[in-house]
Amino acid sequence: MTEAFLHYLWKHRLFDFMNLKTTAGEPLQIIFPGYHNTDAGPDFRQAIVQIGAMKWAGDVEIHIRSSDWYRHHHQNDEKYLSVALHVVYEHDCEVERRKGELFPTLELKNYIPEEMLAQYQRLMASPEQIPCASYLPGIEPLHLRSLLSSMVMERMLRKQEDVLRMVRECDGDWKETLYRLLAIGFGFKTNVTAFELLAKSLPLKVLAKHADSELQTAALIFGQAGMLERGDVDDYHDALKYEYDYLRCKYQLMPIGEHHWNLLRLRPPNFPCVRLAQLAALMHDSPDLSELCLECPSVETLKRELSVCANPYWENHYHFGQKTILKHSVCLGDTAASLLIINTVVPFRFAHHRFFGNENQLEQTLALLEELSFENNKRTREFVHTPFPQQNAMDSQALLELSQYYCSPKRCLECAVGEKIVRNIRL
């Protein structure tokens, strides 16, 4: 039993609410269950109930056991003096509003439909990554597609908040925001924090002044990354260091420190120096990507612009001064470019168009996801043997949202499919 389940039952009155009595034996009628409160204070606000001949307007607090009132120390919090009804699964003790005055209490244990409780408990006890996996084959494809549509929109709106938060950090500068987001994207999970610190330490307006020089662009990026602190490494490193030492003094720059970079358990294409070199190439070729990211209707054009190649030095190096025997590609691959579009370009464009009221551009923005391949990662592979659609990046983004924010924390009651399973509604 969980409080979330009791909240769900109370909110939707999914119990025998026509024949209720308090633990004191008084008839109870729920006129309005109240507004669900997710902040501090009672669980439901402004409820209206009738107990006996008396109508009460107040709040409702819900617990698994009555004694949880004291375990949560509500007796010491004046916000709970407004509670008109204490709703519990099991009544194991009396609770006092004030000395000698008891809270009216409703014990739900004998009012909950047994099958509904059993369905919920089966989902909560499921060892599967997707708790409802065994139910999915019997669900109509239309319901699954509808769920994914809501999930992808929820994901975009959540990412929009992240973009807008960064816009505020950048004092409303959308170009600076895009630059930071692209830098973070080049972290590809393993070095996200380091790339974000780098971008914050090296403003776009500084970088853009030297974007016409490949050497100076690379010098600023590697220098601010803390990769040029040593001397006499090799000719390319020392050339970068020479340029950076001048630019560092000119702009009063402070590097972030090499210790921020994760060098362990990485595939060679994800080594920090390679990704930094690719970011330098992108900023040298296209210092202002905002117009492209906001207006380009073609995934292929976006990929072509993002699929930059690092300086040829990196064809024989993964780190400064450590030459490899064999040459390797230093161009940003198709998969990496696709991830930048999915995780950076689309959320940025979505947030920008919604912020400026360009609602007619949103469908075109989301359509970019339909042109990209389904993402193959640990979370999306959880759905391989399910009937969920798995055709493109629109589907994979929806499934990532579903897995991370609903399936893993078992928020089945907040999922359209999980809710119908619990309520035993034919799908």
Protein backbone atom coordinates (compact mmCIF):
# COMPACT_ATOMS: atom_id res chain seq x y z
CA MET A 1 0.00 0.00 0.00
CA THR A 2 1.26 3.49 -0.84
CA GLU A 3 -0.04 6.97 -0.18
CA ALA A 4 0.07 7.63 -3.92
CA PHE A 5 -2.53 4.91 -4.43
CA LEU A 6 -4.73 6.34 -1.67
CA HIS A 7 -4.40 9.83 -3.22
CA TYR A 8 -5.51 8.38 -6.55
CA LEU A 9 -8.51 6.62 -4.99
CA TRP A 10 -9.59 9.73 -3.10
CA LYS A 11 -9.12 12.10 -6.05
CA HIS A 12 -11.26 9.97 -8.37
CA ARG A 13 -13.53 8.52 -5.64
CA LEU A 14 -12.77 4.97 -6.75
CA PHE A 15 -14.27 3.30 -3.71
CA ASP A 16 -17.70 2.71 -2.23
CA PHE A 17 -18.26 6.39 -1.44
CA MET A 18 -22.05 6.08 -1.16
CA ASN A 19 -22.03 4.22 2.16
CA LEU A 20 -19.20 5.82 4.10
CA LYS A 21 -18.93 6.14 7.85
CA THR A 22 -16.23 7.65 9.99
CA THR A 23 -14.38 5.53 12.53
CA ALA A 24 -16.74 7.05 15.10
CA GLY A 25 -19.72 5.61 13.20
CA GLU A 26 -21.05 8.91 11.78
CA PRO A 27 -22.39 8.98 8.20
CA LEU A 28 -19.94 10.64 5.79
CA GLN A 29 -20.67 12.22 2.42
CA ILE A 30 -17.95 13.52 0.07
CA ILE A 31 -19.35 16.60 -1.68
CA PHE A 32 -16.02 17.70 -3.20
CA PRO A 33 -12.71 15.81 -2.67
CA GLY A 34 -10.61 18.99 -2.89
CA TYR A 35 -7.70 20.09 -5.04
CA HIS A 36 -4.65 17.84 -5.02
CA ASN A 37 -1.80 19.69 -3.32
CA THR A 38 1.75 18.71 -4.35
CA ASP A 39 3.42 21.37 -2.19
CA ALA A 40 3.87 21.46 1.59
CA GLY A 41 0.75 21.09 3.69
CA PRO A 42 -2.35 18.85 3.59
CA ASP A 43 -2.74 16.54 0.59
CA PHE A 44 -6.06 17.96 -0.66
CA ARG A 45 -7.14 21.57 -0.24
CA GLN A 46 -10.62 23.11 -0.04
CA ALA A 47 -12.53 19.84 0.23
CA ILE A 48 -16.19 19.79 1.25
CA VAL A 49 -17.56 16.88 3.28
CA GLN A 50 -20.65 16.31 5.35
CA ILE A 51 -20.25 14.40 8.60
CA GLY A 52 -23.58 13.61 10.21
CA ALA A 53 -25.66 16.77 9.96
CA MET A 54 -22.60 19.07 9.80
CA LYS A 55 -21.07 20.26 6.52
CA TRP A 56 -17.31 20.93 6.68
CA ALA A 57 -15.12 22.93 4.30
CA GLY A 58 -11.44 22.35 4.85
CA ASP A 59 -8.47 20.19 3.91
CA VAL A 60 -7.94 16.43 3.75
CA GLU A 61 -4.78 14.64 4.87
CA ILE A 62 -4.15 11.08 3.72
CA HIS A 63 -1.96 8.44 5.40
CA ILE A 64 -1.50 4.70 5.28
CA ARG A 65 -2.00 4.51 9.05
CA SER A 66 -3.48 7.00 11.47
CA SER A 67 -0.27 6.94 13.52
CA ASP A 68 1.59 8.42 10.52
CA TRP A 69 0.13 11.76 11.61
CA TYR A 70 2.44 11.73 14.60
CA ARG A 71 5.30 10.05 12.74
CA HIS A 72 5.24 12.95 10.26
CA HIS A 73 5.01 15.47 13.14
CA HIS A 74 1.86 17.14 11.79
CA GLN A 75 0.74 17.82 15.37
CA ASN A 76 3.47 20.47 15.52
CA ASP A 77 2.54 22.17 12.25
CA GLU A 78 -0.23 24.78 12.25
CA LYS A 79 -0.89 24.21 8.51
CA TYR A 80 -2.67 20.98 9.50
CA LEU A 81 -5.16 22.67 11.83
CA SER A 82 -7.30 23.27 8.71
CA VAL A 83 -7.78 19.52 8.13
CA ALA A 84 -11.46 18.62 8.16
CA LEU A 85 -11.02 14.89 7.54
CA HIS A 86 -8.19 12.42 8.12
CA VAL A 87 -8.30 9.63 5.49
CA VAL A 88 -6.31 6.46 6.22
CA TYR A 89 -6.03 2.93 4.89
CA GLU A 90 -5.80 1.51 8.41
CA HIS A 91 -6.96 3.23 11.59
CA ASP A 92 -4.52 2.19 14.31
CA CYS A 93 -4.85 5.12 16.76
CA GLU A 94 -6.89 8.24 17.48
CA VAL A 95 -5.48 11.58 16.37
CA GLU A 96 -6.17 14.81 18.27
CA ARG A 97 -6.67 18.16 16.57
CA ARG A 98 -6.35 19.85 19.96
CA LYS A 99 -6.28 18.31 23.40
CA GLY A 100 -9.48 16.33 23.83
CA GLU A 101 -10.72 17.05 20.26
CA LEU A 102 -10.37 14.17 17.77
CA PHE A 103 -10.04 14.48 14.01
CA PRO A 104 -12.89 12.86 12.06
CA THR A 105 -11.28 9.83 10.41
CA LEU A 106 -12.25 7.69 7.42
CA GLU A 107 -10.72 4.21 7.22
CA LEU A 108 -10.68 3.11 3.55
CA LYS A 109 -9.60 -0.50 4.01
CA ASN A 110 -13.06 -2.01 3.66
CA TYR A 111 -14.26 0.35 0.92
CA ILE A 112 -11.60 -0.32 -1.77
CA PRO A 113 -12.50 -2.76 -4.60
CA GLU A 114 -10.38 -5.88 -4.09
CA GLU A 115 -9.56 -6.36 -7.78
CA MET A 116 -8.34 -2.77 -8.13
CA LEU A 117 -6.06 -3.16 -5.12
CA ALA A 118 -4.79 -6.50 -6.45
CA GLN A 119 -4.03 -5.01 -9.89
CA TYR A 120 -2.12 -2.14 -8.31
CA GLN A 121 -0.15 -4.45 -6.04
CA ARG A 122 0.79 -6.66 -9.00
CA LEU A 123 2.20 -3.67 -10.84
CA MET A 124 4.12 -2.45 -7.81
CA ALA A 125 5.54 -5.92 -7.16
CA SER A 126 6.60 -6.50 -10.77
CA PRO A 127 10.36 -7.13 -11.12
CA GLU A 128 10.27 -5.97 -14.76
CA GLN A 129 11.75 -2.66 -15.90
CA ILE A 130 8.34 -2.03 -17.47
CA PRO A 131 5.88 -3.06 -14.73
CA CYS A 132 2.96 -3.49 -17.13
CA ALA A 133 4.96 -5.48 -19.73
CA SER A 134 2.79 -8.60 -19.41
CA TYR A 135 -0.38 -6.56 -20.04
CA LEU A 136 0.88 -4.73 -23.16
CA PRO A 137 0.13 -7.40 -25.80
CA GLY A 138 -3.57 -7.05 -25.04
CA ILE A 139 -3.63 -3.27 -25.42
CA GLU A 140 -4.83 -1.71 -28.64
CA PRO A 141 -2.07 -0.02 -30.71
CA LEU A 142 -4.09 3.20 -30.79
CA HIS A 143 -3.77 3.53 -27.00
CA LEU A 144 -0.02 2.95 -27.13
CA ARG A 145 0.42 5.53 -29.89
CA SER A 146 -1.69 8.02 -27.94
CA LEU A 147 0.46 7.48 -24.85
CA LEU A 148 3.68 8.08 -26.82
CA SER A 149 2.25 11.28 -28.31
CA SER A 150 1.61 12.66 -24.85
CA MET A 151 5.04 11.50 -23.64
CA VAL A 152 6.98 13.24 -26.41
CA MET A 153 5.12 16.49 -25.78
CA GLU A 154 5.77 16.18 -22.05
CA ARG A 155 9.47 15.64 -22.78
CA MET A 156 9.65 18.70 -25.03
CA LEU A 157 7.92 20.88 -22.44
CA ARG A 158 10.29 19.68 -19.73
CA LYS A 159 13.30 20.36 -21.94
CA GLN A 160 11.82 23.74 -22.79
CA GLU A 161 12.07 24.68 -19.12
CA ASP A 162 15.77 23.72 -19.16
CA VAL A 163 16.36 25.91 -22.22
CA LEU A 164 14.49 28.87 -20.74
CA ARG A 165 16.42 28.52 -17.51
CA MET A 166 19.64 28.81 -19.49
CA VAL A 167 18.27 31.77 -21.45
CA ARG A 168 17.76 33.55 -18.14
CA GLU A 169 21.32 32.66 -17.09
CA CYS A 170 22.49 34.20 -20.37
CA ASP A 171 20.51 37.42 -19.74
CA GLY A 172 18.09 36.68 -22.57
CA ASP A 173 20.78 36.00 -25.18
CA TRP A 174 19.47 33.13 -27.32
CA LYS A 175 22.68 32.85 -29.38
CA GLU A 176 24.77 32.42 -26.24
CA THR A 177 22.23 29.87 -25.02
CA LEU A 178 22.51 27.81 -28.22
CA TYR A 179 26.31 27.91 -28.00
CA ARG A 180 26.22 26.59 -24.44
CA LEU A 181 23.69 23.91 -25.32
CA LEU A 182 25.80 22.74 -28.27
CA ALA A 183 28.89 22.62 -26.05
CA ILE A 184 26.97 20.53 -23.51
CA GLY A 185 25.82 18.29 -26.35
CA PHE A 186 29.44 17.57 -27.28
CA GLY A 187 29.86 16.11 -23.78
CA PHE A 188 27.71 13.11 -24.82
CA LYS A 189 26.82 12.30 -21.18
CA THR A 190 30.36 11.44 -20.02
CA ASN A 191 31.70 15.01 -20.06
CA VAL A 192 28.54 17.12 -19.95
CA THR A 193 29.55 19.04 -16.82
CA ALA A 194 33.04 19.83 -18.11
CA PHE A 195 31.72 21.12 -21.44
CA GLU A 196 29.16 23.27 -19.66
CA LEU A 197 31.85 24.78 -17.43
CA LEU A 198 33.98 25.40 -20.51
CA ALA A 199 31.17 27.22 -22.34
CA LYS A 200 30.40 29.35 -19.29
CA SER A 201 34.07 30.31 -18.97
CA LEU A 202 34.41 31.23 -22.66
CA PRO A 203 31.62 33.58 -23.84
CA LEU A 204 30.46 33.30 -27.43
CA LYS A 205 31.24 36.97 -28.08
CA VAL A 206 34.92 36.27 -27.32
CA LEU A 207 35.02 33.11 -29.39
CA ALA A 208 33.20 34.74 -32.32
CA LYS A 209 35.83 37.50 -32.58
CA HIS A 210 38.43 34.87 -33.50
CA ALA A 211 36.22 32.42 -35.40
CA ASP A 212 37.94 33.30 -38.70
CA SER A 213 41.17 31.79 -37.34
CA GLU A 214 41.18 28.02 -36.91
CA LEU A 215 44.26 28.18 -34.71
CA GLN A 216 42.90 30.85 -32.36
CA THR A 217 39.50 29.17 -32.09
CA ALA A 218 41.16 25.90 -31.09
CA ALA A 219 43.53 27.74 -28.76
CA LEU A 220 40.66 29.39 -26.89
CA ILE A 221 38.72 26.13 -26.52
CA PHE A 222 41.65 23.91 -25.51
CA GLY A 223 43.11 26.64 -23.32
CA GLN A 224 39.87 27.21 -21.42
CA ALA A 225 39.53 23.45 -21.08
CA GLY A 226 42.78 23.42 -19.13
CA MET A 227 44.55 21.33 -21.77
CA LEU A 228 47.37 23.81 -22.50
CA GLU A 229 48.92 24.28 -19.09
CA ARG A 230 52.04 22.22 -19.85
CA GLY A 231 54.87 23.37 -22.11
CA ASP A 232 57.12 21.71 -24.73
CA VAL A 233 54.68 18.94 -25.65
CA ASP A 234 54.81 19.09 -29.46
CA ASP A 235 54.67 21.74 -32.17
CA TYR A 236 50.85 21.85 -32.48
CA HIS A 237 50.29 21.99 -28.72
CA ASP A 238 52.91 24.71 -28.31
CA ALA A 239 51.42 26.77 -31.16
CA LEU A 240 48.04 26.62 -29.48
CA LYS A 241 49.57 27.53 -26.13
CA TYR A 242 51.37 30.53 -27.64
CA GLU A 243 48.09 31.89 -29.03
CA TYR A 244 46.16 31.11 -25.87
CA ASP A 245 48.61 32.79 -23.51
CA TYR A 246 48.10 36.04 -25.42
CA LEU A 247 44.30 35.71 -25.65
CA ARG A 248 44.05 34.68 -22.01
CA CYS A 249 45.69 37.91 -20.91
CA LYS A 250 43.72 40.01 -23.42
CA TYR A 251 40.33 38.79 -22.20
CA GLN A 252 41.27 37.99 -18.58
CA LEU A 253 40.23 34.36 -19.03
CA MET A 254 40.40 31.67 -16.34
CA PRO A 255 40.63 28.03 -17.53
CA ILE A 256 38.44 25.42 -15.82
CA GLY A 257 41.18 22.91 -15.03
CA GLU A 258 42.05 19.62 -16.67
CA HIS A 259 40.80 17.60 -13.67
CA HIS A 260 37.17 18.24 -14.71
CA TRP A 261 37.49 15.92 -17.70
CA ASN A 262 36.51 12.27 -17.49
CA LEU A 263 39.11 10.13 -19.29
CA LEU A 264 38.05 6.68 -18.09
CA ARG A 265 35.94 4.00 -19.78
CA LEU A 266 35.42 6.01 -22.96
CA ARG A 267 35.31 4.86 -26.54
CA PRO A 268 38.12 6.62 -28.49
CA PRO A 269 35.73 8.89 -30.48
CA ASN A 270 34.48 10.27 -27.15
CA PHE A 271 37.90 11.18 -25.78
CA PRO A 272 37.69 14.81 -24.58
CA CYS A 273 40.42 16.18 -26.86
CA VAL A 274 38.69 14.76 -29.95
CA ARG A 275 35.33 16.24 -28.96
CA LEU A 276 36.96 19.58 -28.09
CA ALA A 277 38.68 19.62 -31.48
CA GLN A 278 35.34 18.94 -33.19
CA LEU A 279 33.66 21.74 -31.23
CA ALA A 280 36.51 24.06 -32.27
CA ALA A 281 35.99 23.07 -35.91
CA LEU A 282 32.24 23.75 -35.63
CA MET A 283 32.76 27.17 -34.07
CA HIS A 284 35.39 28.03 -36.69
CA ASP A 285 33.13 26.99 -39.58
CA SER A 286 29.84 28.34 -38.19
CA PRO A 287 30.20 30.65 -35.15
CA ASP A 288 26.51 31.66 -35.45
CA LEU A 289 24.36 28.55 -35.84
CA SER A 290 21.15 30.11 -34.55
CA GLU A 291 19.63 30.83 -37.97
CA LEU A 292 20.45 27.32 -39.22
CA CYS A 293 19.08 25.65 -36.07
CA LEU A 294 15.89 27.70 -36.09
CA GLU A 295 15.00 27.73 -39.77
CA CYS A 296 16.54 24.71 -41.50
CA PRO A 297 13.71 22.33 -42.47
CA SER A 298 16.02 19.50 -43.50
CA VAL A 299 17.67 16.95 -41.23
CA GLU A 300 20.24 16.23 -43.93
CA THR A 301 21.33 19.88 -44.07
CA LEU A 302 21.61 20.01 -40.29
CA LYS A 303 23.69 16.84 -40.27
CA ARG A 304 25.95 18.20 -42.98
CA GLU A 305 26.59 21.40 -41.01
CA LEU A 306 27.17 19.55 -37.75
CA SER A 307 29.34 16.75 -39.17
CA VAL A 308 32.57 18.73 -38.91
CA CYS A 309 36.09 17.26 -39.03
CA ALA A 310 38.72 18.15 -36.45
CA ASN A 311 42.23 19.38 -37.30
CA PRO A 312 44.27 16.63 -39.06
CA TYR A 313 46.60 16.55 -36.04
CA TRP A 314 43.95 14.48 -34.26
CA GLU A 315 44.01 11.76 -36.92
CA ASN A 316 47.15 10.48 -35.18
CA HIS A 317 46.34 11.59 -31.61
CA TYR A 318 43.75 11.11 -28.90
CA HIS A 319 45.73 13.25 -26.43
CA PHE A 320 48.35 15.94 -26.90
CA GLY A 321 51.84 14.54 -27.43
CA GLN A 322 50.73 10.88 -27.64
CA LYS A 323 50.90 9.78 -31.28
CA THR A 324 48.93 6.71 -32.36
CA ILE A 325 50.24 4.10 -34.77
CA LEU A 326 47.15 4.02 -36.96
CA LYS A 327 45.14 6.92 -38.33
CA HIS A 328 41.50 7.29 -37.28
CA SER A 329 38.56 9.43 -38.36
CA VAL A 330 38.12 12.71 -36.53
CA CYS A 331 34.85 13.70 -38.19
CA LEU A 332 31.66 13.87 -36.14
CA GLY A 333 29.78 10.71 -37.09
CA ASP A 334 26.20 10.35 -38.25
CA THR A 335 25.02 8.99 -34.89
CA ALA A 336 26.67 11.82 -32.97
CA ALA A 337 25.20 14.44 -35.33
CA SER A 338 21.76 12.86 -34.90
CA LEU A 339 22.07 13.02 -31.11
CA LEU A 340 22.98 16.72 -31.30
CA ILE A 341 19.86 17.35 -33.38
CA ILE A 342 17.66 15.30 -31.03
CA ASN A 343 19.01 16.61 -27.73
CA THR A 344 20.06 20.16 -28.63
CA VAL A 345 18.63 21.53 -31.88
CA VAL A 346 15.05 20.28 -31.52
CA PRO A 347 14.59 21.32 -27.85
CA PHE A 348 16.19 24.72 -28.57
CA ARG A 349 13.98 25.32 -31.59
CA PHE A 350 10.87 24.11 -29.74
CA ALA A 351 11.55 26.42 -26.78
CA HIS A 352 12.36 29.39 -29.03
CA HIS A 353 9.21 29.07 -31.13
CA ARG A 354 6.96 28.65 -28.08
CA PHE A 355 8.60 31.58 -26.29
CA PHE A 356 8.04 33.88 -29.25
CA GLY A 357 4.57 32.54 -30.03
CA ASN A 358 5.44 30.79 -33.30
CA GLU A 359 3.06 27.93 -32.62
CA ASN A 360 2.77 27.16 -36.33
CA GLN A 361 6.45 26.13 -36.35
CA LEU A 362 6.15 23.51 -33.62
CA GLU A 363 4.84 20.73 -35.84
CA GLN A 364 7.70 21.24 -38.29
CA THR A 365 10.16 21.17 -35.39
CA LEU A 366 8.86 17.89 -34.02
CA ALA A 367 8.77 16.46 -37.55
CA LEU A 368 12.60 16.53 -37.50
CA LEU A 369 12.46 13.71 -34.95
CA GLU A 370 10.43 11.60 -37.36
CA GLU A 371 13.25 11.86 -39.93
CA LEU A 372 15.86 10.50 -37.51
CA SER A 373 16.50 6.87 -36.63
CA PHE A 374 15.19 5.26 -33.45
CA GLU A 375 17.79 5.65 -30.69
CA ASN A 376 19.50 2.51 -29.49
CA ASN A 377 20.46 2.75 -25.83
CA LYS A 378 19.94 0.95 -22.54
CA ARG A 379 16.53 2.48 -21.85
CA THR A 380 15.07 2.08 -25.33
CA ARG A 381 16.20 -1.54 -25.45
CA GLU A 382 13.86 -2.21 -22.52
CA PHE A 383 10.98 -1.84 -24.99
CA VAL A 384 12.33 -4.06 -27.79
CA HIS A 385 9.92 -6.92 -27.08
CA THR A 386 6.89 -4.73 -26.42
CA PRO A 387 4.26 -3.62 -28.95
CA PHE A 388 5.17 0.07 -28.52
CA PRO A 389 6.00 1.77 -31.86
CA GLN A 390 9.78 1.93 -32.42
CA GLN A 391 10.13 3.53 -35.83
CA ASN A 392 12.02 6.80 -35.36
CA ALA A 393 13.49 9.27 -32.86
CA MET A 394 10.03 10.59 -32.04
CA ASP A 395 9.20 7.15 -30.66
CA SER A 396 12.52 6.74 -28.84
CA GLN A 397 12.22 10.14 -27.17
CA ALA A 398 8.73 9.26 -25.98
CA LEU A 399 9.90 5.89 -24.65
CA LEU A 400 12.84 7.51 -22.86
CA GLU A 401 10.42 9.85 -21.09
CA LEU A 402 8.10 6.95 -20.24
CA SER A 403 10.93 4.77 -18.91
CA GLN A 404 12.75 7.43 -16.92
CA TYR A 405 9.84 9.31 -15.38
CA TYR A 406 7.06 6.72 -15.18
CA CYS A 407 8.22 3.10 -15.43
CA SER A 408 11.38 3.30 -13.32
CA PRO A 409 9.74 5.19 -10.40
CA LYS A 410 6.56 3.10 -10.94
CA ARG A 411 4.27 6.07 -11.42
CA CYS A 412 1.74 3.73 -13.02
CA LEU A 413 -1.24 5.68 -11.71
CA GLU A 414 -0.07 8.76 -13.63
CA CYS A 415 0.36 6.81 -16.87
CA ALA A 416 -2.71 6.44 -19.12
CA VAL A 417 -2.03 2.73 -19.73
CA GLY A 418 -1.15 1.97 -16.11
CA GLU A 419 -4.25 3.77 -14.87
CA LYS A 420 -6.52 1.74 -17.13
CA ILE A 421 -4.86 -1.50 -15.98
CA VAL A 422 -5.38 -0.62 -12.32
CA ARG A 423 -9.00 0.33 -12.95
CA ASN A 424 -9.41 -2.87 -15.00
CA ILE A 425 -10.83 -0.91 -17.93
CA ARG A 426 -11.02 -2.75 -21.23
CA LEU A 427 -8.38 -1.31 -23.60
